[in-house]
Amino acid sequence: MGAAAEARREQLAELRRRMAAVPARGAEATARVPMAPEPRREPLPVPAALENLLPDGGLAKGSVVVYNGAGSLISGLLAAVTSAGGHAAVVGLPRLGLLAAAEMGARLDRLAVVSDPGPDPLEVASVLLDGLDLVVLGLNGLAVPMSRARVLAARARGKNSTLMVTNGSWSGPALHIDTRVAGYSGLGRGCGRLRTVRLDVSVRGRSAQPRLGHLSLSPAGGRVEWVSTADPAAPAEPPLRIARHAAS
């Protein structure tokens, strides 16, 4: 028991040392005296295909987001934040594809990964919120008590960081993002190379109407990116009428 506690203290100490080495957010920008207070904080960037589905056009800073579904979209979110100059961390998601994130444009030098956060992943996430823009926390089926959820939410708000939790239960988030794999393309009958993944996306906020969308992950220009697509269940009548008119 003593050895486990000591290992946990060393892990947290190492995280704090890494946090101290991360440049302060905004330190790379030229210092200037603000002319007037900003009416609202700019959200964290997201893949362009997801912007229209989110109430703020991005992930609100200082908020908690619950995410359920495909890990590939989490990789896209990490890529959007780090490629724009932000810093992010992934806690408790050992199977998340870092190669996929890199192919989407992620800056891995701006991404911290804690595959095994130990018995208290919430404490690890709390440390990381101190200086990072986005912390993605895998709960591994944990139902977080409301008291601790409030403490973490307050810390995210106070540090102007965004906490995204997945694979568990969390009370009172600002936003829910749910995804479902709708299909693939590129595979033949038992062979072929996977080229496209299609997702159905549902977004629910506290004060906004639910929004539904359809995204596809496809190669483009030497990279892999998310694009917005039409509902695959929508009728295809217009193209068929054009084809019959042209044939006549």
Foldseek 3Di string as FASTA:
>chain_A
DVVQVVVLVVVLVVLLVVLVVDPAVPPVPDDDDDPDDDPADQAAAFFQQCQVQDPRSHHFFLFEEEEEDDLLRVLRRQQSRQQVPFAEEEAQCVPRDPVSSVLNRHDVVRYYYHNDSDPCRLVVVLSVLQGGAEYEYEPQAEADDQVSLVVSSNSRNVNRHYYYYYNYHGPDGQKYKYKDWPDWDQADDVDGDTFKTKIWIWMDGDPDDIDIFMWMWGDDPSGIGIHTDDDPPDDPVVVVVVVVVVVD
